[in-house]
């Protein structure tokens, strides 16, 4: 796992092996079974999670009790409920493993300590956050400009790993279409 972290970090900023060792020592490995929650609504998000292996979703329940998925993450991605993690306030969303998932957990206090010791780690997370912001803006633009069929095609083309690993009804929730319509779109693509 340390090599996986090193490879990932060095995509953004070059770290010495001794720096990777020090950062890695602040990470806590945890495993979550399929459907197990990493975070529940109204609890404070204590960690930023690096997914070693698995799939996680971030979602909330609307006024009618329907799940609304706002984000997915797979191997070599970070996921957290950003507002809860940064401000240490109760979460308005859930984080749940979609399949058996292994993560490395980085606590807020450890992250702040590491930022002071290794400023380039802060730069790395800034770059990651910028990429996440761009992805969220792109998703918003897609929703405003594309029809449901185009959104699905875009999703499958840009994120093929998700389409194979995530249940159809979850993809439908993320794309804000019905599972039945998604099923029809999938049949048309075959």
N, C-alpha and C. Protein backbone atom coordinates (compact mmCIF):
# COMPACT_ATOMS: atom_id res chain seq x y z
N UNK A 1 0.81 -1.20 0.00
CA UNK A 1 0.00 0.00 0.00
C UNK A 1 0.85 1.26 0.00
N UNK A 2 2.01 1.18 0.63
CA UNK A 2 2.88 2.35 0.66
C UNK A 2 3.33 2.71 -0.76
N UNK A 3 3.63 1.70 -1.57
CA UNK A 3 4.03 1.96 -2.96
C UNK A 3 2.88 2.60 -3.74
N UNK A 4 1.66 2.15 -3.46
CA UNK A 4 0.49 2.70 -4.13
C UNK A 4 0.34 4.19 -3.79
N UNK A 5 0.52 4.52 -2.53
CA UNK A 5 0.46 5.92 -2.09
C UNK A 5 1.59 6.73 -2.74
N UNK A 6 2.77 6.18 -2.74
CA UNK A 6 3.92 6.88 -3.33
C UNK A 6 3.67 7.18 -4.81
N UNK A 7 3.22 6.20 -5.54
CA UNK A 7 2.93 6.39 -6.96
C UNK A 7 1.86 7.46 -7.15
N UNK A 8 0.82 7.39 -6.33
CA UNK A 8 -0.27 8.36 -6.43
C UNK A 8 0.23 9.77 -6.11
N UNK A 9 0.91 9.94 -4.99
CA UNK A 9 1.40 11.27 -4.59
C UNK A 9 2.32 11.87 -5.63
N UNK A 10 3.21 11.04 -6.17
CA UNK A 10 4.21 11.54 -7.12
C UNK A 10 3.61 11.92 -8.47
N UNK A 11 2.34 11.61 -8.69
CA UNK A 11 1.66 12.11 -9.89
C UNK A 11 1.45 13.62 -9.80
N UNK A 12 1.41 14.13 -8.58
CA UNK A 12 1.13 15.55 -8.34
C UNK A 12 2.37 16.34 -7.94
N UNK A 13 3.12 15.78 -7.00
CA UNK A 13 4.29 16.45 -6.44
C UNK A 13 5.30 15.35 -6.12
N UNK A 14 6.59 15.63 -6.31
CA UNK A 14 7.62 14.62 -6.02
C UNK A 14 7.93 14.61 -4.53
N UNK A 15 7.85 13.42 -3.94
CA UNK A 15 8.14 13.21 -2.54
C UNK A 15 9.34 12.27 -2.40
N UNK A 16 10.17 12.54 -1.42
CA UNK A 16 11.27 11.64 -1.08
C UNK A 16 10.69 10.42 -0.35
N UNK A 17 11.41 9.31 -0.39
CA UNK A 17 10.95 8.10 0.31
C UNK A 17 10.74 8.36 1.80
N UNK A 18 11.62 9.13 2.41
CA UNK A 18 11.49 9.43 3.85
C UNK A 18 10.21 10.23 4.12
N UNK A 19 9.83 11.09 3.20
CA UNK A 19 8.59 11.86 3.36
C UNK A 19 7.37 10.94 3.22
N UNK A 20 7.43 10.06 2.25
CA UNK A 20 6.34 9.09 2.07
C UNK A 20 6.20 8.24 3.34
N UNK A 21 7.33 7.79 3.89
CA UNK A 21 7.29 6.98 5.11
C UNK A 21 6.62 7.74 6.24
N UNK A 22 6.97 9.01 6.41
CA UNK A 22 6.40 9.83 7.49
C UNK A 22 4.91 10.06 7.28
N UNK A 23 4.53 10.35 6.05
CA UNK A 23 3.11 10.57 5.74
C UNK A 23 2.33 9.27 5.92
N UNK A 24 2.89 8.19 5.40
CA UNK A 24 2.22 6.89 5.49
C UNK A 24 1.99 6.47 6.95
N UNK A 25 2.91 6.85 7.82
CA UNK A 25 2.77 6.48 9.24
C UNK A 25 1.56 7.15 9.90
N UNK A 26 1.03 8.19 9.26
CA UNK A 26 -0.14 8.91 9.79
C UNK A 26 -1.45 8.38 9.21
N UNK A 27 -1.36 7.42 8.32
CA UNK A 27 -2.55 6.84 7.70
C UNK A 27 -2.96 5.57 8.45
N UNK A 28 -4.26 5.41 8.58
CA UNK A 28 -4.81 4.24 9.27
C UNK A 28 -5.58 3.38 8.27
N UNK A 29 -5.20 2.11 8.15
CA UNK A 29 -5.89 1.21 7.23
C UNK A 29 -7.17 0.69 7.86
N UNK A 30 -8.24 0.73 7.06
CA UNK A 30 -9.52 0.16 7.50
C UNK A 30 -10.16 -0.56 6.32
N UNK A 31 -10.93 -1.58 6.65
CA UNK A 31 -11.67 -2.32 5.63
C UNK A 31 -13.15 -2.22 5.95
N UNK A 32 -13.93 -1.98 4.90
CA UNK A 32 -15.39 -1.89 5.04
C UNK A 32 -16.02 -2.93 4.12
N UNK A 33 -16.98 -3.65 4.64
CA UNK A 33 -17.70 -4.65 3.86
C UNK A 33 -18.68 -3.94 2.92
N UNK A 34 -19.11 -4.64 1.91
CA UNK A 34 -20.11 -4.13 0.99
C UNK A 34 -21.32 -3.64 1.79
N UNK A 35 -21.79 -2.44 1.50
CA UNK A 35 -22.94 -1.77 2.11
C UNK A 35 -22.64 -1.16 3.49
N UNK A 36 -21.43 -1.33 3.99
CA UNK A 36 -21.07 -0.75 5.28
C UNK A 36 -20.81 0.75 5.11
N UNK A 37 -21.17 1.51 6.14
CA UNK A 37 -21.02 2.96 6.09
C UNK A 37 -19.67 3.40 6.63
N UNK A 38 -19.03 4.31 5.91
CA UNK A 38 -17.81 4.97 6.36
C UNK A 38 -18.20 6.21 7.15
N UNK A 39 -19.38 6.76 6.83
CA UNK A 39 -19.91 7.97 7.45
C UNK A 39 -21.42 7.94 7.36
N UNK A 40 -22.08 8.37 8.42
CA UNK A 40 -23.54 8.48 8.39
C UNK A 40 -23.94 9.94 8.59
N UNK A 41 -25.14 10.24 8.15
CA UNK A 41 -25.68 11.59 8.32
C UNK A 41 -25.68 11.95 9.80
N UNK A 42 -25.41 13.21 10.08
CA UNK A 42 -25.39 13.78 11.44
C UNK A 42 -24.17 13.39 12.27
N UNK A 43 -23.25 12.61 11.70
CA UNK A 43 -22.00 12.35 12.41
C UNK A 43 -20.90 13.21 11.76
N UNK A 44 -19.87 13.48 12.50
CA UNK A 44 -18.79 14.32 11.98
C UNK A 44 -17.81 13.45 11.20
N UNK A 45 -17.47 13.92 10.01
CA UNK A 45 -16.53 13.20 9.17
C UNK A 45 -15.12 13.44 9.71
N UNK A 46 -14.52 12.43 10.27
CA UNK A 46 -13.21 12.55 10.91
C UNK A 46 -12.05 12.28 9.96
N UNK A 47 -12.36 11.72 8.77
CA UNK A 47 -11.28 11.29 7.88
C UNK A 47 -11.50 11.71 6.43
N UNK A 48 -10.39 11.85 5.74
CA UNK A 48 -10.35 11.87 4.30
C UNK A 48 -9.89 10.46 3.94
N UNK A 49 -10.62 9.78 3.06
CA UNK A 49 -10.37 8.37 2.77
C UNK A 49 -9.69 8.21 1.41
N UNK A 50 -8.55 7.52 1.40
CA UNK A 50 -7.89 7.13 0.16
C UNK A 50 -8.31 5.69 -0.12
N UNK A 51 -8.91 5.46 -1.25
CA UNK A 51 -9.40 4.12 -1.57
C UNK A 51 -8.27 3.31 -2.18
N UNK A 52 -7.84 2.32 -1.44
CA UNK A 52 -6.81 1.40 -1.92
C UNK A 52 -7.44 0.47 -2.94
N UNK A 53 -8.58 -0.10 -2.56
CA UNK A 53 -9.32 -1.00 -3.44
C UNK A 53 -10.78 -0.96 -3.03
N UNK A 54 -11.65 -0.78 -4.02
CA UNK A 54 -13.07 -0.77 -3.73
C UNK A 54 -13.79 0.39 -4.40
N UNK A 55 -15.06 0.53 -4.04
CA UNK A 55 -15.90 1.61 -4.57
C UNK A 55 -16.73 2.16 -3.41
N UNK A 56 -16.81 3.48 -3.36
CA UNK A 56 -17.57 4.18 -2.32
C UNK A 56 -18.48 5.20 -2.99
N UNK A 57 -19.63 5.43 -2.37
CA UNK A 57 -20.52 6.47 -2.88
C UNK A 57 -20.82 7.47 -1.77
N UNK A 58 -21.04 8.72 -2.16
CA UNK A 58 -21.46 9.79 -1.27
C UNK A 58 -22.89 10.12 -1.68
N UNK A 59 -23.82 10.12 -0.72
CA UNK A 59 -25.21 10.37 -1.07
C UNK A 59 -25.96 10.99 0.10
N UNK A 60 -27.13 11.53 -0.22
CA UNK A 60 -28.04 12.06 0.81
C UNK A 60 -29.44 11.54 0.51
N UNK A 61 -30.31 11.70 1.48
CA UNK A 61 -31.72 11.32 1.31
C UNK A 61 -32.52 12.60 1.10
N UNK A 62 -33.32 12.63 0.03
CA UNK A 62 -34.14 13.82 -0.22
C UNK A 62 -35.36 13.81 0.70
N UNK A 63 -36.23 14.80 0.56
CA UNK A 63 -37.39 14.95 1.43
C UNK A 63 -38.33 13.75 1.37
N UNK A 64 -38.31 13.03 0.26
CA UNK A 64 -39.16 11.85 0.10
C UNK A 64 -38.46 10.57 0.52
N UNK A 65 -37.22 10.68 0.99
CA UNK A 65 -36.47 9.51 1.42
C UNK A 65 -35.75 8.78 0.31
N UNK A 66 -35.65 9.38 -0.88
CA UNK A 66 -34.94 8.78 -2.01
C UNK A 66 -33.46 9.13 -1.93
N UNK A 67 -32.63 8.15 -2.25
CA UNK A 67 -31.18 8.37 -2.26
C UNK A 67 -30.79 9.21 -3.47
N UNK A 68 -29.96 10.21 -3.23
CA UNK A 68 -29.43 11.06 -4.30
C UNK A 68 -27.92 10.99 -4.23
N UNK A 69 -27.31 10.31 -5.17
CA UNK A 69 -25.86 10.11 -5.18
C UNK A 69 -25.19 11.33 -5.78
N UNK A 70 -24.23 11.87 -5.04
CA UNK A 70 -23.53 13.06 -5.50
C UNK A 70 -22.12 12.76 -5.98
N UNK A 71 -21.58 11.63 -5.57
CA UNK A 71 -20.20 11.32 -5.95
C UNK A 71 -19.93 9.83 -5.79
N UNK A 72 -19.06 9.31 -6.67
CA UNK A 72 -18.50 7.98 -6.55
C UNK A 72 -16.99 8.11 -6.44
N UNK A 73 -16.35 7.11 -5.88
CA UNK A 73 -14.89 7.05 -5.87
C UNK A 73 -14.46 5.59 -5.95
N UNK A 74 -13.39 5.35 -6.71
CA UNK A 74 -12.84 4.00 -6.87
C UNK A 74 -11.37 4.01 -6.50
N UNK A 75 -10.71 2.89 -6.74
CA UNK A 75 -9.30 2.72 -6.42
C UNK A 75 -8.48 3.97 -6.80
N UNK A 76 -7.61 4.37 -5.87
CA UNK A 76 -6.71 5.50 -6.07
C UNK A 76 -7.40 6.86 -6.14
N UNK A 77 -8.55 6.98 -5.50
CA UNK A 77 -9.23 8.27 -5.38
C UNK A 77 -9.40 8.57 -3.90
N UNK A 78 -9.49 9.85 -3.60
CA UNK A 78 -9.83 10.31 -2.26
C UNK A 78 -11.31 10.62 -2.22
N UNK A 79 -11.93 10.39 -1.07
CA UNK A 79 -13.32 10.79 -0.88
C UNK A 79 -13.55 11.15 0.58
N UNK A 80 -14.37 12.14 0.76
CA UNK A 80 -14.77 12.59 2.09
C UNK A 80 -16.02 13.44 1.93
N UNK A 81 -16.67 13.76 3.01
CA UNK A 81 -17.71 14.80 2.96
C UNK A 81 -16.97 16.07 3.33
N UNK A 82 -16.61 16.83 2.33
CA UNK A 82 -15.67 17.94 2.48
C UNK A 82 -16.09 18.94 3.57
N UNK A 83 -17.32 19.38 3.55
CA UNK A 83 -17.76 20.37 4.53
C UNK A 83 -17.64 19.85 5.96
N UNK A 84 -18.10 18.64 6.18
CA UNK A 84 -18.03 18.05 7.51
C UNK A 84 -16.58 17.84 7.94
N UNK A 85 -15.75 17.36 7.04
CA UNK A 85 -14.35 17.10 7.34
C UNK A 85 -13.59 18.39 7.66
N UNK A 86 -13.73 19.39 6.83
CA UNK A 86 -12.99 20.64 7.03
C UNK A 86 -13.48 21.42 8.24
N UNK A 87 -14.80 21.53 8.36
CA UNK A 87 -15.35 22.34 9.44
C UNK A 87 -15.64 21.56 10.71
N UNK A 88 -15.51 20.24 10.63
CA UNK A 88 -15.79 19.35 11.76
C UNK A 88 -17.20 19.60 12.32
N UNK A 89 -18.16 19.59 11.40
CA UNK A 89 -19.57 19.74 11.73
C UNK A 89 -20.30 18.47 11.28
N UNK A 90 -21.51 18.22 11.79
CA UNK A 90 -22.25 17.02 11.38
C UNK A 90 -22.49 16.98 9.87
N UNK A 91 -22.34 15.81 9.32
CA UNK A 91 -22.50 15.58 7.89
C UNK A 91 -23.97 15.59 7.50
N UNK A 92 -24.23 16.07 6.30
CA UNK A 92 -25.58 16.01 5.73
C UNK A 92 -25.71 14.83 4.77
N UNK A 93 -24.61 14.06 4.63
CA UNK A 93 -24.61 12.97 3.68
C UNK A 93 -24.02 11.70 4.30
N UNK A 94 -24.08 10.64 3.52
CA UNK A 94 -23.57 9.32 3.91
C UNK A 94 -22.42 8.95 2.97
N UNK A 95 -21.46 8.22 3.49
CA UNK A 95 -20.44 7.55 2.67
C UNK A 95 -20.63 6.06 2.89
N UNK A 96 -20.77 5.30 1.80
CA UNK A 96 -21.04 3.87 1.91
C UNK A 96 -20.23 3.09 0.89
N UNK A 97 -19.69 1.96 1.34
CA UNK A 97 -18.97 1.06 0.44
C UNK A 97 -19.97 0.35 -0.46
N UNK A 98 -19.69 0.34 -1.74
CA UNK A 98 -20.55 -0.36 -2.71
C UNK A 98 -20.08 -1.80 -2.87
N UNK A 99 -18.80 -2.02 -2.66
CA UNK A 99 -18.23 -3.37 -2.65
C UNK A 99 -17.24 -3.42 -1.48
N UNK A 100 -16.74 -4.58 -1.15
CA UNK A 100 -15.74 -4.65 -0.09
C UNK A 100 -14.62 -3.67 -0.43
N UNK A 101 -14.27 -2.83 0.52
CA UNK A 101 -13.38 -1.70 0.25
C UNK A 101 -12.32 -1.56 1.33
N UNK A 102 -11.09 -1.34 0.89
CA UNK A 102 -9.99 -1.05 1.81
C UNK A 102 -9.59 0.41 1.59
N UNK A 103 -9.47 1.14 2.70
CA UNK A 103 -9.11 2.55 2.62
C UNK A 103 -7.95 2.85 3.56
N UNK A 104 -7.28 3.95 3.27
CA UNK A 104 -6.32 4.54 4.20
C UNK A 104 -6.96 5.83 4.68
N UNK A 105 -7.10 5.95 5.99
CA UNK A 105 -7.79 7.09 6.59
C UNK A 105 -6.79 8.12 7.07
N UNK A 106 -7.04 9.38 6.72
CA UNK A 106 -6.20 10.48 7.14
C UNK A 106 -7.06 11.43 7.95
N UNK A 107 -6.78 11.53 9.25
CA UNK A 107 -7.58 12.38 10.13
C UNK A 107 -7.29 13.85 9.86
N UNK A 108 -8.21 14.70 10.24
CA UNK A 108 -8.05 16.14 10.07
C UNK A 108 -6.82 16.64 10.84
N UNK A 109 -6.66 16.18 12.08
CA UNK A 109 -5.52 16.65 12.89
C UNK A 109 -4.19 16.18 12.29
N UNK A 110 -4.12 14.93 11.83
CA UNK A 110 -2.90 14.45 11.18
C UNK A 110 -2.62 15.20 9.89
N UNK A 111 -3.67 15.50 9.15
CA UNK A 111 -3.49 16.24 7.91
C UNK A 111 -2.90 17.63 8.19
N UNK A 112 -3.44 18.32 9.18
CA UNK A 112 -2.94 19.66 9.52
C UNK A 112 -1.47 19.60 9.97
N UNK A 113 -1.14 18.60 10.76
CA UNK A 113 0.25 18.43 11.20
C UNK A 113 1.17 18.17 10.01
N UNK A 114 0.72 17.31 9.10
CA UNK A 114 1.52 17.01 7.91
C UNK A 114 1.68 18.23 7.00
N UNK A 115 0.64 19.04 6.90
CA UNK A 115 0.75 20.27 6.10
C UNK A 115 1.88 21.16 6.61
N UNK A 116 1.99 21.27 7.92
CA UNK A 116 3.03 22.13 8.51
C UNK A 116 4.42 21.55 8.27
N UNK A 117 4.52 20.25 8.35
CA UNK A 117 5.82 19.58 8.18
C UNK A 117 6.22 19.45 6.72
N UNK A 118 5.23 19.19 5.85
CA UNK A 118 5.49 18.94 4.42
C UNK A 118 4.56 19.84 3.60
N UNK A 119 4.95 21.10 3.40
CA UNK A 119 4.09 22.04 2.64
C UNK A 119 3.69 21.53 1.25
N UNK A 120 4.54 20.70 0.65
CA UNK A 120 4.18 20.20 -0.68
C UNK A 120 2.98 19.25 -0.63
N UNK A 121 2.69 18.69 0.55
CA UNK A 121 1.48 17.87 0.70
C UNK A 121 0.25 18.76 0.56
N UNK A 122 0.33 19.95 1.12
CA UNK A 122 -0.77 20.90 0.98
C UNK A 122 -0.97 21.27 -0.50
N UNK A 123 0.14 21.46 -1.21
CA UNK A 123 0.05 21.74 -2.65
C UNK A 123 -0.61 20.58 -3.38
N UNK A 124 -0.23 19.35 -3.03
CA UNK A 124 -0.82 18.18 -3.67
C UNK A 124 -2.33 18.15 -3.46
N UNK A 125 -2.77 18.35 -2.21
CA UNK A 125 -4.21 18.32 -1.94
C UNK A 125 -4.93 19.50 -2.59
N UNK A 126 -4.24 20.63 -2.75
CA UNK A 126 -4.85 21.75 -3.48
C UNK A 126 -5.09 21.35 -4.92
N UNK A 127 -4.12 20.70 -5.54
CA UNK A 127 -4.28 20.25 -6.92
C UNK A 127 -5.42 19.22 -7.04
N UNK A 128 -5.49 18.31 -6.10
CA UNK A 128 -6.57 17.31 -6.10
C UNK A 128 -7.92 18.01 -5.94
N UNK A 129 -7.99 18.97 -5.02
CA UNK A 129 -9.24 19.70 -4.79
C UNK A 129 -9.64 20.50 -6.02
N UNK A 130 -8.67 21.11 -6.68
CA UNK A 130 -8.97 21.83 -7.92
C UNK A 130 -9.55 20.89 -8.96
N UNK A 131 -8.96 19.70 -9.09
CA UNK A 131 -9.48 18.71 -10.05
C UNK A 131 -10.90 18.28 -9.69
N UNK A 132 -11.16 18.11 -8.38
CA UNK A 132 -12.51 17.74 -7.94
C UNK A 132 -13.50 18.86 -8.26
N UNK A 133 -13.10 20.10 -8.03
CA UNK A 133 -13.97 21.24 -8.31
C UNK A 133 -14.28 21.30 -9.80
N UNK A 134 -13.28 21.12 -10.63
CA UNK A 134 -13.49 21.12 -12.08
C UNK A 134 -14.45 19.99 -12.47
N UNK A 135 -14.26 18.82 -11.90
CA UNK A 135 -15.15 17.68 -12.20
C UNK A 135 -16.59 17.99 -11.79
N UNK A 136 -16.77 18.61 -10.62
CA UNK A 136 -18.12 18.97 -10.17
C UNK A 136 -18.74 20.03 -11.07
N UNK A 137 -17.95 21.01 -11.50
CA UNK A 137 -18.47 22.02 -12.41
C UNK A 137 -18.82 21.41 -13.76
N UNK A 138 -17.99 20.50 -14.23
CA UNK A 138 -18.25 19.82 -15.49
C UNK A 138 -19.55 19.02 -15.39
N UNK A 139 -19.73 18.34 -14.26
CA UNK A 139 -20.97 17.57 -14.06
C UNK A 139 -22.17 18.50 -14.10
N UNK A 140 -22.09 19.65 -13.43
CA UNK A 140 -23.19 20.62 -13.45
C UNK A 140 -23.47 21.10 -14.86
N UNK A 141 -22.42 21.41 -15.61
CA UNK A 141 -22.60 21.84 -17.01
C UNK A 141 -23.26 20.76 -17.83
N UNK A 142 -22.84 19.53 -17.63
CA UNK A 142 -23.41 18.41 -18.37
C UNK A 142 -24.90 18.30 -18.08
N UNK A 143 -25.26 18.42 -16.81
CA UNK A 143 -26.67 18.32 -16.44
C UNK A 143 -27.50 19.42 -17.08
N UNK A 144 -26.91 20.62 -17.19
CA UNK A 144 -27.65 21.73 -17.76
C UNK A 144 -27.75 21.65 -19.28
N UNK A 145 -26.74 21.07 -19.92
CA UNK A 145 -26.66 21.11 -21.37
C UNK A 145 -27.04 19.82 -22.08
N UNK A 146 -26.97 18.71 -21.39
CA UNK A 146 -27.20 17.42 -22.05
C UNK A 146 -28.53 16.79 -21.64
N UNK A 147 -29.06 16.05 -22.57
CA UNK A 147 -30.25 15.26 -22.28
C UNK A 147 -29.81 13.99 -21.57
N UNK A 148 -30.74 13.28 -20.98
CA UNK A 148 -30.44 12.08 -20.20
C UNK A 148 -29.60 11.07 -20.97
N UNK A 149 -29.96 10.83 -22.22
CA UNK A 149 -29.24 9.86 -23.04
C UNK A 149 -27.78 10.30 -23.22
N UNK A 150 -27.56 11.58 -23.46
CA UNK A 150 -26.20 12.10 -23.63
C UNK A 150 -25.41 12.01 -22.33
N UNK A 151 -26.07 12.27 -21.20
CA UNK A 151 -25.40 12.18 -19.89
C UNK A 151 -24.92 10.76 -19.67
N UNK A 152 -25.76 9.78 -19.98
CA UNK A 152 -25.38 8.38 -19.79
C UNK A 152 -24.20 8.02 -20.69
N UNK A 153 -24.26 8.41 -21.95
CA UNK A 153 -23.17 8.11 -22.88
C UNK A 153 -21.86 8.74 -22.40
N UNK A 154 -21.93 9.98 -21.95
CA UNK A 154 -20.76 10.68 -21.44
C UNK A 154 -20.20 9.95 -20.22
N UNK A 155 -21.07 9.53 -19.32
CA UNK A 155 -20.67 8.82 -18.11
C UNK A 155 -19.94 7.52 -18.46
N UNK A 156 -20.50 6.74 -19.35
CA UNK A 156 -19.92 5.44 -19.72
C UNK A 156 -18.58 5.62 -20.44
N UNK A 157 -18.49 6.64 -21.28
CA UNK A 157 -17.25 6.88 -22.02
C UNK A 157 -16.14 7.42 -21.13
N UNK A 158 -16.47 8.34 -20.24
CA UNK A 158 -15.45 8.99 -19.41
C UNK A 158 -15.09 8.17 -18.18
N UNK A 159 -16.03 7.38 -17.69
CA UNK A 159 -15.80 6.60 -16.47
C UNK A 159 -16.22 5.13 -16.67
N UNK A 160 -15.58 4.44 -17.59
CA UNK A 160 -16.01 3.06 -17.89
C UNK A 160 -15.89 2.11 -16.69
N UNK A 161 -14.94 2.35 -15.81
CA UNK A 161 -14.77 1.50 -14.64
C UNK A 161 -15.96 1.52 -13.71
N UNK A 162 -16.63 2.65 -13.64
CA UNK A 162 -17.81 2.75 -12.78
C UNK A 162 -18.97 1.95 -13.33
N UNK A 163 -19.19 2.06 -14.63
CA UNK A 163 -20.34 1.39 -15.24
C UNK A 163 -20.33 -0.10 -14.99
N UNK A 164 -19.14 -0.69 -14.84
CA UNK A 164 -19.03 -2.13 -14.61
C UNK A 164 -19.13 -2.49 -13.13
N UNK A 165 -18.81 -1.56 -12.23
CA UNK A 165 -18.70 -1.88 -10.81
C UNK A 165 -19.83 -1.34 -9.95
N UNK A 166 -20.65 -0.47 -10.51
CA UNK A 166 -21.70 0.20 -9.74
C UNK A 166 -23.06 -0.30 -10.21
N UNK A 167 -23.95 -0.65 -9.28
CA UNK A 167 -25.29 -1.11 -9.67
C UNK A 167 -26.03 -0.06 -10.51
N UNK A 168 -26.82 -0.54 -11.42
CA UNK A 168 -27.54 0.31 -12.36
C UNK A 168 -28.38 1.37 -11.65
N UNK A 169 -29.08 1.02 -10.58
CA UNK A 169 -29.94 1.99 -9.93
C UNK A 169 -29.14 3.13 -9.30
N UNK A 170 -27.88 2.86 -8.93
CA UNK A 170 -27.03 3.92 -8.38
C UNK A 170 -26.55 4.86 -9.49
N UNK A 171 -26.23 4.30 -10.64
CA UNK A 171 -25.85 5.15 -11.78
C UNK A 171 -27.04 6.03 -12.16
N UNK A 172 -28.23 5.46 -12.15
CA UNK A 172 -29.43 6.24 -12.47
C UNK A 172 -29.61 7.39 -11.47
N UNK A 173 -29.40 7.12 -10.20
CA UNK A 173 -29.51 8.17 -9.18
C UNK A 173 -28.49 9.27 -9.44
N UNK A 174 -27.27 8.88 -9.72
CA UNK A 174 -26.21 9.85 -9.98
C UNK A 174 -26.53 10.72 -11.20
N UNK A 175 -27.09 10.11 -12.24
CA UNK A 175 -27.42 10.82 -13.48
C UNK A 175 -28.79 11.50 -13.42
N UNK A 176 -29.50 11.29 -12.32
CA UNK A 176 -30.83 11.86 -12.11
C UNK A 176 -31.82 11.42 -13.19
N UNK A 177 -31.82 10.11 -13.44
CA UNK A 177 -32.80 9.50 -14.34
C UNK A 177 -33.36 8.27 -13.63
N UNK A 178 -34.44 7.73 -14.15
CA UNK A 178 -35.03 6.55 -13.51
C UNK A 178 -34.25 5.30 -13.90
N UNK A 179 -34.25 4.29 -13.03
CA UNK A 179 -33.57 3.03 -13.37
C UNK A 179 -34.16 2.39 -14.63
N UNK A 180 -35.45 2.55 -14.83
CA UNK A 180 -36.10 1.97 -16.01
C UNK A 180 -35.57 2.62 -17.29
N UNK A 181 -35.44 3.95 -17.26
CA UNK A 181 -34.93 4.64 -18.44
C UNK A 181 -33.46 4.29 -18.68
N UNK A 182 -32.71 4.16 -17.61
CA UNK A 182 -31.32 3.76 -17.76
C UNK A 182 -31.22 2.37 -18.39
N UNK A 183 -32.08 1.47 -17.97
CA UNK A 183 -32.10 0.12 -18.54
C UNK A 183 -32.38 0.18 -20.04
N UNK A 184 -33.30 1.05 -20.43
CA UNK A 184 -33.62 1.23 -21.85
C UNK A 184 -32.40 1.78 -22.60
N UNK A 185 -31.70 2.75 -22.01
CA UNK A 185 -30.51 3.32 -22.64
C UNK A 185 -29.42 2.26 -22.80
N UNK A 186 -29.26 1.41 -21.80
CA UNK A 186 -28.24 0.36 -21.88
C UNK A 186 -28.56 -0.63 -22.99
N UNK A 187 -29.83 -0.98 -23.13
CA UNK A 187 -30.23 -1.89 -24.21
C UNK A 187 -29.93 -1.29 -25.58
N UNK A 188 -30.14 0.01 -25.72
CA UNK A 188 -29.90 0.68 -27.00
C UNK A 188 -28.41 0.69 -27.36
N UNK A 189 -27.53 0.69 -26.35
CA UNK A 189 -26.08 0.72 -26.59
C UNK A 189 -25.53 -0.64 -27.00
N UNK A 190 -26.23 -1.71 -26.68
CA UNK A 190 -25.73 -3.07 -26.96
C UNK A 190 -25.80 -3.39 -28.43
